[in-house]
C-alpha cells in the first residue's frame, strides 16, 4: 500500500466521519442548506470549483484501480468528486432543483448519512491501521 493511499484514506475518512456526525447533529441545518442551495449561484459555483479541484487532485495523484479495496475506494471517491464538481459547473442555472430532487435527499437523508459514516469509518480505520 502506497503512502499516498494511506494519507488520502485518512484524510477522506476523517472528513466523512466528521461530516456524517455533523449531519446527524444538524439535520435541520442541512435541510435548510439544501433548500437554499439552488437559489444561490455563488454557492453552486464554489461547490463545483472545490469539488472539481479536490477530485482532480485525488485522481491525478491516485488513479489506482488495483491493490485492494482501499486504493480503489480512494480512487472512486476522487472520480465521484470530480464528476460532482463538473455537474455543478455544467448544469444550467435553474436546473439544480431537478438535479437535487432526483437524489430524494429528504427521504434518503439517513441512508446518505449512513453511507458517509460507514465509508468514513472504513477509510479512517484502514488508513490508520496501515501506519
N, C-alpha and C. Protein backbone atom coordinates (compact mmCIF):
# COMPACT_ATOMS: atom_id res chain seq x y z
N UNK A 1 0.86 -1.18 0.00
CA UNK A 1 0.00 0.00 0.00
C UNK A 1 0.89 1.23 0.00
N UNK A 2 0.59 2.14 -0.91
CA UNK A 2 1.44 3.33 -1.02
C UNK A 2 1.16 4.31 0.12
N UNK A 3 2.15 5.11 0.46
CA UNK A 3 1.93 6.13 1.49
C UNK A 3 0.84 7.13 1.08
N UNK A 4 0.71 7.39 -0.23
CA UNK A 4 -0.34 8.31 -0.70
C UNK A 4 -1.72 7.74 -0.44
N UNK A 5 -1.90 6.45 -0.69
CA UNK A 5 -3.19 5.81 -0.41
C UNK A 5 -3.53 5.95 1.07
N UNK A 6 -2.57 5.68 1.92
CA UNK A 6 -2.79 5.76 3.36
C UNK A 6 -3.15 7.19 3.77
N UNK A 7 -2.41 8.16 3.26
CA UNK A 7 -2.66 9.56 3.60
C UNK A 7 -4.05 10.01 3.15
N UNK A 8 -4.39 9.74 1.89
CA UNK A 8 -5.68 10.18 1.36
C UNK A 8 -6.82 9.45 2.06
N UNK A 9 -6.63 8.16 2.38
CA UNK A 9 -7.66 7.42 3.10
C UNK A 9 -7.91 8.03 4.48
N UNK A 10 -6.85 8.40 5.18
CA UNK A 10 -7.01 9.05 6.49
C UNK A 10 -7.75 10.38 6.34
N UNK A 11 -7.33 11.17 5.37
CA UNK A 11 -7.93 12.49 5.15
C UNK A 11 -9.41 12.37 4.79
N UNK A 12 -9.73 11.54 3.78
CA UNK A 12 -11.12 11.37 3.37
C UNK A 12 -11.94 10.71 4.47
N UNK A 13 -11.35 9.73 5.15
CA UNK A 13 -12.07 9.04 6.20
C UNK A 13 -12.47 9.96 7.34
N UNK A 14 -11.52 10.73 7.84
CA UNK A 14 -11.83 11.67 8.92
C UNK A 14 -12.84 12.72 8.46
N UNK A 15 -12.68 13.20 7.24
CA UNK A 15 -13.63 14.17 6.68
C UNK A 15 -15.04 13.58 6.67
N UNK A 16 -15.18 12.36 6.15
CA UNK A 16 -16.51 11.73 6.07
C UNK A 16 -17.11 11.48 7.45
N UNK A 17 -16.30 11.03 8.39
CA UNK A 17 -16.81 10.79 9.75
C UNK A 17 -17.30 12.10 10.37
N UNK A 18 -16.51 13.15 10.25
CA UNK A 18 -16.90 14.43 10.85
C UNK A 18 -18.12 15.03 10.18
N UNK A 19 -18.19 14.93 8.84
CA UNK A 19 -19.38 15.43 8.13
C UNK A 19 -20.59 14.58 8.51
N UNK A 20 -20.41 13.27 8.60
CA UNK A 20 -21.52 12.39 8.99
C UNK A 20 -22.05 12.71 10.38
N UNK A 21 -21.16 12.99 11.31
CA UNK A 21 -21.59 13.38 12.66
C UNK A 21 -22.33 14.71 12.61
N UNK A 22 -21.80 15.66 11.84
CA UNK A 22 -22.48 16.96 11.70
C UNK A 22 -23.87 16.77 11.10
N UNK A 23 -23.99 15.85 10.14
CA UNK A 23 -25.31 15.58 9.54
C UNK A 23 -26.27 15.02 10.58
N UNK A 24 -25.79 14.16 11.44
CA UNK A 24 -26.65 13.60 12.49
C UNK A 24 -27.10 14.66 13.48
N UNK A 25 -26.19 15.55 13.84
CA UNK A 25 -26.48 16.54 14.87
C UNK A 25 -27.24 17.76 14.36
N UNK A 26 -27.16 18.02 13.05
CA UNK A 26 -27.72 19.27 12.50
C UNK A 26 -28.62 19.00 11.29
N UNK A 27 -29.55 18.09 11.43
CA UNK A 27 -30.41 17.74 10.31
C UNK A 27 -31.17 18.96 9.77
N UNK A 28 -31.71 19.79 10.65
CA UNK A 28 -32.48 20.95 10.18
C UNK A 28 -31.59 21.94 9.42
N UNK A 29 -30.36 22.11 9.87
CA UNK A 29 -29.42 22.99 9.17
C UNK A 29 -29.10 22.43 7.78
N UNK A 30 -28.90 21.13 7.69
CA UNK A 30 -28.59 20.50 6.41
C UNK A 30 -29.77 20.65 5.43
N UNK A 31 -31.00 20.44 5.92
CA UNK A 31 -32.17 20.61 5.06
C UNK A 31 -32.29 22.06 4.59
N UNK A 32 -32.04 23.01 5.48
CA UNK A 32 -32.12 24.43 5.10
C UNK A 32 -31.07 24.75 4.05
N UNK A 33 -29.87 24.19 4.20
CA UNK A 33 -28.81 24.44 3.23
C UNK A 33 -29.17 23.87 1.86
N UNK A 34 -29.69 22.65 1.84
CA UNK A 34 -30.05 22.02 0.57
C UNK A 34 -31.21 22.77 -0.08
N UNK A 35 -32.15 23.26 0.72
CA UNK A 35 -33.29 24.02 0.17
C UNK A 35 -32.82 25.35 -0.42
N UNK A 36 -31.84 25.99 0.20
CA UNK A 36 -31.36 27.29 -0.26
C UNK A 36 -30.35 27.17 -1.41
N UNK A 37 -29.71 26.05 -1.52
CA UNK A 37 -28.62 25.86 -2.48
C UNK A 37 -28.98 26.22 -3.92
N UNK A 38 -30.11 25.74 -4.46
CA UNK A 38 -30.42 26.04 -5.87
C UNK A 38 -30.63 27.53 -6.16
N UNK A 39 -30.89 28.32 -5.11
CA UNK A 39 -31.14 29.75 -5.29
C UNK A 39 -29.89 30.61 -5.09
N UNK A 40 -28.75 29.97 -4.93
CA UNK A 40 -27.52 30.70 -4.66
C UNK A 40 -26.44 30.33 -5.69
N UNK A 41 -26.37 31.05 -6.80
CA UNK A 41 -25.40 30.72 -7.85
C UNK A 41 -23.95 30.71 -7.35
N UNK A 42 -23.64 31.59 -6.40
CA UNK A 42 -22.28 31.62 -5.87
C UNK A 42 -21.96 30.31 -5.16
N UNK A 43 -22.88 29.81 -4.37
CA UNK A 43 -22.67 28.55 -3.67
C UNK A 43 -22.53 27.39 -4.66
N UNK A 44 -23.31 27.42 -5.71
CA UNK A 44 -23.24 26.36 -6.73
C UNK A 44 -21.86 26.36 -7.39
N UNK A 45 -21.40 27.53 -7.82
CA UNK A 45 -20.11 27.61 -8.49
C UNK A 45 -18.97 27.25 -7.53
N UNK A 46 -19.00 27.78 -6.32
CA UNK A 46 -17.94 27.45 -5.36
C UNK A 46 -17.91 25.97 -5.02
N UNK A 47 -19.08 25.39 -4.84
CA UNK A 47 -19.14 23.95 -4.58
C UNK A 47 -18.55 23.18 -5.75
N UNK A 48 -18.92 23.57 -6.96
CA UNK A 48 -18.38 22.91 -8.15
C UNK A 48 -16.88 23.05 -8.27
N UNK A 49 -16.38 24.25 -8.05
CA UNK A 49 -14.94 24.50 -8.17
C UNK A 49 -14.16 23.69 -7.13
N UNK A 50 -14.61 23.72 -5.87
CA UNK A 50 -13.90 22.98 -4.83
C UNK A 50 -13.98 21.48 -5.02
N UNK A 51 -15.17 20.97 -5.37
CA UNK A 51 -15.30 19.52 -5.59
C UNK A 51 -14.44 19.09 -6.78
N UNK A 52 -14.43 19.88 -7.85
CA UNK A 52 -13.62 19.56 -9.01
C UNK A 52 -12.13 19.58 -8.66
N UNK A 53 -11.69 20.59 -7.94
CA UNK A 53 -10.27 20.69 -7.57
C UNK A 53 -9.85 19.52 -6.68
N UNK A 54 -10.66 19.20 -5.69
CA UNK A 54 -10.31 18.09 -4.79
C UNK A 54 -10.35 16.77 -5.53
N UNK A 55 -11.37 16.59 -6.34
CA UNK A 55 -11.48 15.35 -7.12
C UNK A 55 -10.31 15.18 -8.07
N UNK A 56 -9.97 16.23 -8.79
CA UNK A 56 -8.84 16.14 -9.72
C UNK A 56 -7.52 15.90 -8.99
N UNK A 57 -7.35 16.51 -7.84
CA UNK A 57 -6.13 16.29 -7.06
C UNK A 57 -5.99 14.80 -6.69
N UNK A 58 -7.10 14.20 -6.30
CA UNK A 58 -7.05 12.77 -5.95
C UNK A 58 -6.82 11.93 -7.20
N UNK A 59 -7.56 12.21 -8.27
CA UNK A 59 -7.46 11.40 -9.49
C UNK A 59 -6.07 11.51 -10.12
N UNK A 60 -5.52 12.72 -10.20
CA UNK A 60 -4.21 12.90 -10.81
C UNK A 60 -3.11 12.23 -9.97
N UNK A 61 -3.24 12.32 -8.66
CA UNK A 61 -2.22 11.74 -7.78
C UNK A 61 -2.44 10.28 -7.44
N UNK A 62 -3.68 9.81 -7.59
CA UNK A 62 -4.00 8.46 -7.10
C UNK A 62 -5.08 7.81 -7.97
N UNK A 63 -4.78 7.53 -9.20
CA UNK A 63 -5.72 6.85 -10.09
C UNK A 63 -5.37 5.36 -10.12
N UNK A 64 -5.64 4.67 -9.00
CA UNK A 64 -5.24 3.28 -8.80
C UNK A 64 -6.48 2.40 -8.81
N UNK A 65 -6.51 1.41 -9.71
CA UNK A 65 -7.67 0.54 -9.84
C UNK A 65 -7.36 -0.91 -9.46
N UNK A 66 -6.33 -1.12 -8.67
CA UNK A 66 -5.98 -2.46 -8.20
C UNK A 66 -5.26 -2.33 -6.87
N UNK A 67 -5.03 -3.48 -6.21
CA UNK A 67 -4.28 -3.45 -4.96
C UNK A 67 -5.13 -3.56 -3.73
N UNK A 68 -6.42 -3.82 -3.88
CA UNK A 68 -7.28 -3.98 -2.72
C UNK A 68 -8.41 -2.97 -2.69
N UNK A 69 -9.22 -3.10 -1.66
CA UNK A 69 -10.41 -2.25 -1.54
C UNK A 69 -10.03 -0.80 -1.28
N UNK A 70 -9.12 -0.54 -0.40
CA UNK A 70 -8.81 0.84 -0.01
C UNK A 70 -8.28 1.68 -1.16
N UNK A 71 -7.28 1.24 -1.92
CA UNK A 71 -6.82 2.08 -3.04
C UNK A 71 -7.91 2.34 -4.07
N UNK A 72 -8.73 1.33 -4.35
CA UNK A 72 -9.80 1.51 -5.33
C UNK A 72 -10.86 2.47 -4.78
N UNK A 73 -11.20 2.34 -3.50
CA UNK A 73 -12.18 3.23 -2.89
C UNK A 73 -11.71 4.68 -2.92
N UNK A 74 -10.45 4.91 -2.62
CA UNK A 74 -9.90 6.28 -2.69
C UNK A 74 -10.04 6.83 -4.11
N UNK A 75 -9.74 6.01 -5.10
CA UNK A 75 -9.85 6.44 -6.50
C UNK A 75 -11.30 6.72 -6.87
N UNK A 76 -12.22 5.85 -6.45
CA UNK A 76 -13.64 6.05 -6.75
C UNK A 76 -14.15 7.35 -6.13
N UNK A 77 -13.75 7.64 -4.91
CA UNK A 77 -14.16 8.89 -4.26
C UNK A 77 -13.59 10.08 -5.04
N UNK A 78 -12.36 9.98 -5.51
CA UNK A 78 -11.78 11.06 -6.32
C UNK A 78 -12.56 11.29 -7.61
N UNK A 79 -12.92 10.21 -8.29
CA UNK A 79 -13.70 10.35 -9.52
C UNK A 79 -15.10 10.88 -9.23
N UNK A 80 -15.71 10.44 -8.13
CA UNK A 80 -17.04 10.93 -7.76
C UNK A 80 -17.00 12.44 -7.49
N UNK A 81 -15.98 12.89 -6.78
CA UNK A 81 -15.85 14.33 -6.51
C UNK A 81 -15.63 15.11 -7.80
N UNK A 82 -14.83 14.55 -8.71
CA UNK A 82 -14.59 15.20 -9.99
C UNK A 82 -15.89 15.35 -10.78
N UNK A 83 -16.65 14.27 -10.86
CA UNK A 83 -17.92 14.30 -11.60
C UNK A 83 -18.94 15.23 -10.94
N UNK A 84 -18.97 15.24 -9.61
CA UNK A 84 -19.87 16.14 -8.89
C UNK A 84 -19.50 17.59 -9.19
N UNK A 85 -18.22 17.91 -9.14
CA UNK A 85 -17.77 19.26 -9.45
C UNK A 85 -18.15 19.68 -10.85
N UNK A 86 -17.91 18.79 -11.81
CA UNK A 86 -18.30 19.09 -13.19
C UNK A 86 -19.80 19.29 -13.33
N UNK A 87 -20.57 18.45 -12.66
CA UNK A 87 -22.03 18.57 -12.74
C UNK A 87 -22.48 19.94 -12.25
N UNK A 88 -21.96 20.39 -11.11
CA UNK A 88 -22.38 21.69 -10.59
C UNK A 88 -21.93 22.84 -11.49
N UNK A 89 -20.82 22.67 -12.18
CA UNK A 89 -20.35 23.73 -13.07
C UNK A 89 -21.03 23.71 -14.43
N UNK A 90 -21.53 22.54 -14.86
CA UNK A 90 -22.09 22.43 -16.20
C UNK A 90 -23.61 22.44 -16.26
N UNK A 91 -24.27 22.11 -15.16
CA UNK A 91 -25.74 22.10 -15.16
C UNK A 91 -26.22 23.55 -15.27
N UNK A 92 -27.12 23.82 -16.20
CA UNK A 92 -27.60 25.20 -16.38
C UNK A 92 -28.27 25.74 -15.11
N UNK A 93 -28.09 27.02 -14.88
CA UNK A 93 -28.71 27.67 -13.73
C UNK A 93 -30.23 27.48 -13.81
N UNK A 94 -30.81 27.06 -12.72
CA UNK A 94 -32.24 26.81 -12.67
C UNK A 94 -32.58 25.33 -12.76
N UNK A 95 -31.64 24.52 -13.22
CA UNK A 95 -31.89 23.07 -13.33
C UNK A 95 -31.50 22.33 -12.05
N UNK A 96 -30.88 23.03 -11.11
CA UNK A 96 -30.41 22.38 -9.89
C UNK A 96 -31.53 21.75 -9.07
N UNK A 97 -32.71 22.38 -8.94
CA UNK A 97 -33.76 21.72 -8.15
C UNK A 97 -34.11 20.33 -8.68
N UNK A 98 -34.16 20.17 -9.99
CA UNK A 98 -34.46 18.85 -10.57
C UNK A 98 -33.32 17.88 -10.28
N UNK A 99 -32.09 18.38 -10.38
CA UNK A 99 -30.91 17.56 -10.11
C UNK A 99 -30.93 17.08 -8.65
N UNK A 100 -31.20 18.00 -7.73
CA UNK A 100 -31.23 17.64 -6.32
C UNK A 100 -32.43 16.77 -5.99
N UNK A 101 -33.57 17.03 -6.62
CA UNK A 101 -34.77 16.22 -6.36
C UNK A 101 -34.56 14.78 -6.81
N UNK A 102 -33.76 14.57 -7.84
CA UNK A 102 -33.51 13.22 -8.33
C UNK A 102 -32.84 12.35 -7.28
N UNK A 103 -32.17 12.96 -6.32
CA UNK A 103 -31.48 12.20 -5.28
C UNK A 103 -32.34 11.96 -4.04
N UNK A 104 -33.57 12.50 -4.01
CA UNK A 104 -34.52 12.29 -2.91
C UNK A 104 -33.84 12.53 -1.55
N UNK A 105 -33.21 13.68 -1.42
CA UNK A 105 -32.43 13.99 -0.24
C UNK A 105 -33.25 13.87 1.05
N UNK A 106 -34.47 14.39 1.05
CA UNK A 106 -35.29 14.34 2.25
C UNK A 106 -35.65 12.93 2.67
N UNK A 107 -36.05 12.10 1.70
CA UNK A 107 -36.48 10.74 2.01
C UNK A 107 -35.30 9.83 2.36
N UNK A 108 -34.15 10.08 1.78
CA UNK A 108 -33.00 9.19 1.96
C UNK A 108 -31.90 9.81 2.83
N UNK A 109 -32.24 10.82 3.59
CA UNK A 109 -31.25 11.56 4.38
C UNK A 109 -30.39 10.64 5.23
N UNK A 110 -31.04 9.75 6.00
CA UNK A 110 -30.28 8.90 6.90
C UNK A 110 -29.51 7.81 6.15
N UNK A 111 -29.96 7.44 4.97
CA UNK A 111 -29.20 6.50 4.14
C UNK A 111 -27.91 7.17 3.69
N UNK A 112 -28.01 8.40 3.20
CA UNK A 112 -26.81 9.14 2.78
C UNK A 112 -25.86 9.35 3.96
N UNK A 113 -26.41 9.68 5.11
CA UNK A 113 -25.58 9.87 6.28
C UNK A 113 -24.91 8.57 6.69
N UNK A 114 -25.66 7.48 6.64
CA UNK A 114 -25.09 6.18 6.99
C UNK A 114 -23.97 5.78 6.06
N UNK A 115 -24.17 6.00 4.77
CA UNK A 115 -23.11 5.68 3.79
C UNK A 115 -21.87 6.52 4.08
N UNK A 116 -22.07 7.80 4.35
CA UNK A 116 -20.95 8.69 4.65
C UNK A 116 -20.19 8.20 5.88
N UNK A 117 -20.93 7.84 6.94
CA UNK A 117 -20.29 7.38 8.17
C UNK A 117 -19.57 6.04 7.98
N UNK A 118 -20.18 5.11 7.29
CA UNK A 118 -19.56 3.80 7.09
C UNK A 118 -18.30 3.91 6.24
N UNK A 119 -18.40 4.63 5.12
CA UNK A 119 -17.21 4.81 4.29
C UNK A 119 -16.11 5.54 5.05
N UNK A 120 -16.50 6.56 5.80
CA UNK A 120 -15.52 7.30 6.58
C UNK A 120 -14.87 6.46 7.64
N UNK A 121 -15.66 5.66 8.34
CA UNK A 121 -15.11 4.79 9.39
C UNK A 121 -14.16 3.77 8.77
N UNK A 122 -14.55 3.19 7.63
CA UNK A 122 -13.68 2.20 6.99
C UNK A 122 -12.36 2.83 6.55
N UNK A 123 -12.44 3.97 5.85
CA UNK A 123 -11.21 4.59 5.36
C UNK A 123 -10.33 5.06 6.50
N UNK A 124 -10.93 5.60 7.56
CA UNK A 124 -10.14 6.03 8.72
C UNK A 124 -9.45 4.83 9.36
N UNK A 125 -10.20 3.77 9.60
CA UNK A 125 -9.63 2.58 10.22
C UNK A 125 -8.52 2.00 9.35
N UNK A 126 -8.82 1.80 8.07
CA UNK A 126 -7.84 1.19 7.17
C UNK A 126 -6.61 2.08 7.00
N UNK A 127 -6.80 3.38 6.92
CA UNK A 127 -5.68 4.30 6.76
C UNK A 127 -4.77 4.32 7.97
N UNK A 128 -5.36 4.39 9.17
CA UNK A 128 -4.54 4.44 10.38
C UNK A 128 -3.98 3.08 10.74
N UNK A 129 -4.62 2.02 10.32
CA UNK A 129 -4.12 0.68 10.59
C UNK A 129 -2.85 0.42 9.80
N UNK A 130 -2.70 1.05 8.67
CA UNK A 130 -1.55 0.83 7.80
C UNK A 130 -0.28 1.49 8.33
N UNK A 131 -0.42 2.46 9.22
CA UNK A 131 0.78 3.17 9.70
C UNK A 131 1.39 2.50 10.89
